[in-house]
Amino acid sequence: MRKRYDFSKARPNPYAKRLKKQITIRLDEDTLEYFKKLAEDAEIPYQTLINLYLRECARTRKRPAMKWKAA
């Protein structure tokens, strides 16, 4: 390992805007198990599968089929 590094020609990460953001989300146990099983079958991490599904929902502007009644 060097004692000093030269960053004079460094440039910002061009992919920084595409990085994922860590959040906390609460999911029902049965929903989580469903995605974990699908992810296991697809051989990908379940968080990646959930992200892919949510991205597809956002891309197609899919809306939940439910009515929320305010109290």
C-alpha atoms as a PDB file:
ATOM      1  CA  MET A   1       0.000   0.000   0.000  1.00  0.00           C
ATOM      2  CA  ARG A   2       1.337   3.433  -0.915  1.00  0.00           C
ATOM      3  CA  LYS A   3       1.754   6.184   1.622  1.00  0.00           C
ATOM      4  CA  ARG A   4       0.263   8.721  -0.805  1.00  0.00           C
ATOM      5  CA  TYR A   5      -2.016   8.488  -3.812  1.00  0.00           C
ATOM      6  CA  ASP A   6      -2.367  11.003  -6.635  1.00  0.00           C
ATOM      7  CA  PHE A   7      -6.035  11.930  -7.173  1.00  0.00           C
ATOM      8  CA  SER A   8      -5.296  14.987  -9.334  1.00  0.00           C
ATOM      9  CA  LYS A   9      -6.684  13.236 -12.433  1.00  0.00           C
ATOM     10  CA  ALA A  10      -9.609  11.615 -10.644  1.00  0.00           C
ATOM     11  CA  ARG A  11     -13.138  12.154 -11.890  1.00  0.00           C
ATOM     12  CA  PRO A  12     -16.538  11.637 -10.258  1.00  0.00           C
ATOM     13  CA  ASN A  13     -18.108   8.211 -10.509  1.00  0.00           C
ATOM     14  CA  PRO A  14     -20.323   8.291 -13.638  1.00  0.00           C
ATOM     15  CA  TYR A  15     -22.532   5.567 -12.140  1.00  0.00           C
ATOM     16  CA  ALA A  16     -23.115   7.280  -8.785  1.00  0.00           C
ATOM     17  CA  LYS A  17     -26.719   8.181  -9.670  1.00  0.00           C
ATOM     18  CA  ARG A  18     -27.461   4.530 -10.443  1.00  0.00           C
ATOM     19  CA  LEU A  19     -26.254   3.215  -7.093  1.00  0.00           C
ATOM     20  CA  LYS A  20     -28.830   1.565  -4.884  1.00  0.00           C
ATOM     21  CA  LYS A  21     -29.997   3.141  -1.669  1.00  0.00           C
ATOM     22  CA  GLN A  22     -30.387   1.100   1.486  1.00  0.00           C
ATOM     23  CA  ILE A  23     -33.797   1.461   3.142  1.00  0.00           C
ATOM     24  CA  THR A  24     -35.874  -0.336   5.730  1.00  0.00           C
ATOM     25  CA  ILE A  25     -39.135  -1.855   4.537  1.00  0.00           C
ATOM     26  CA  ARG A  26     -41.685  -3.877   6.469  1.00  0.00           C
ATOM     27  CA  LEU A  27     -43.066  -6.901   4.644  1.00  0.00           C
ATOM     28  CA  ASP A  28     -45.506  -9.556   5.761  1.00  0.00           C
ATOM     29  CA  GLU A  29     -43.817 -12.860   6.524  1.00  0.00           C
ATOM     30  CA  ASP A  30     -45.770 -14.701   3.824  1.00  0.00           C
ATOM     31  CA  THR A  31     -44.832 -12.045   1.229  1.00  0.00           C
ATOM     32  CA  LEU A  32     -41.166 -12.301   2.141  1.00  0.00           C
ATOM     33  CA  GLU A  33     -41.260 -16.105   2.001  1.00  0.00           C
ATOM     34  CA  TYR A  34     -42.929 -15.925  -1.426  1.00  0.00           C
ATOM     35  CA  PHE A  35     -40.138 -13.744  -2.836  1.00  0.00           C
ATOM     36  CA  LYS A  36     -37.435 -15.806  -1.141  1.00  0.00           C
ATOM     37  CA  LYS A  37     -38.806 -18.972  -2.767  1.00  0.00           C
ATOM     38  CA  LEU A  38     -39.031 -17.306  -6.190  1.00  0.00           C
ATOM     39  CA  ALA A  39     -35.496 -15.985  -5.787  1.00  0.00           C
ATOM     40  CA  GLU A  40     -34.209 -19.406  -4.801  1.00  0.00           C
ATOM     41  CA  ASP A  41     -35.805 -20.925  -7.914  1.00  0.00           C
ATOM     42  CA  ALA A  42     -34.318 -18.160 -10.083  1.00  0.00           C
ATOM     43  CA  GLU A  43     -30.961 -18.418  -8.268  1.00  0.00           C
ATOM     44  CA  ILE A  44     -30.762 -14.689  -7.508  1.00  0.00           C
ATOM     45  CA  PRO A  45     -30.834 -12.819  -4.171  1.00  0.00           C
ATOM     46  CA  TYR A  46     -34.374 -12.171  -2.962  1.00  0.00           C
ATOM     47  CA  GLN A  47     -33.710  -8.447  -2.484  1.00  0.00           C
ATOM     48  CA  THR A  48     -32.660  -8.230  -6.128  1.00  0.00           C
ATOM     49  CA  LEU A  49     -35.863  -9.994  -7.160  1.00  0.00           C
ATOM     50  CA  ILE A  50     -38.012  -7.615  -5.108  1.00  0.00           C
ATOM     51  CA  ASN A  51     -36.157  -4.657  -6.644  1.00  0.00           C
ATOM     52  CA  LEU A  52     -36.695  -6.034 -10.160  1.00  0.00           C
ATOM     53  CA  TYR A  53     -40.410  -6.496  -9.478  1.00  0.00           C
ATOM     54  CA  LEU A  54     -40.817  -2.994  -8.031  1.00  0.00           C
ATOM     55  CA  ARG A  55     -38.841  -1.503 -10.917  1.00  0.00           C
ATOM     56  CA  GLU A  56     -41.161  -3.245 -13.400  1.00  0.00           C
ATOM     57  CA  CYS A  57     -44.205  -1.947 -11.493  1.00  0.00           C
ATOM     58  CA  ALA A  58     -42.814   1.595 -11.624  1.00  0.00           C
ATOM     59  CA  ARG A  59     -41.912   1.296 -15.313  1.00  0.00           C
ATOM     60  CA  THR A  60     -45.417   0.139 -16.261  1.00  0.00           C
ATOM     61  CA  ARG A  61     -47.071   2.495 -13.768  1.00  0.00           C
ATOM     62  CA  LYS A  62     -48.830  -0.440 -12.120  1.00  0.00           C
ATOM     63  CA  ARG A  63     -51.046   0.596  -9.222  1.00  0.00           C
ATOM     64  CA  PRO A  64     -52.229  -1.544  -6.310  1.00  0.00           C
ATOM     65  CA  ALA A  65     -55.743  -2.954  -6.667  1.00  0.00           C
ATOM     66  CA  MET A  66     -57.010  -1.708  -3.314  1.00  0.00           C
ATOM     67  CA  LYS A  67     -58.987   1.103  -1.763  1.00  0.00           C
ATOM     68  CA  TRP A  68     -57.600   2.764   1.367  1.00  0.00           C
ATOM     69  CA  LYS A  69     -60.244   4.331   3.561  1.00  0.00           C
ATOM     70  CA  ALA A  70     -59.082   7.230   5.691  1.00  0.00           C
ATOM     71  CA  ALA A  71     -60.185   7.094   9.317  1.00  0.00           C
END
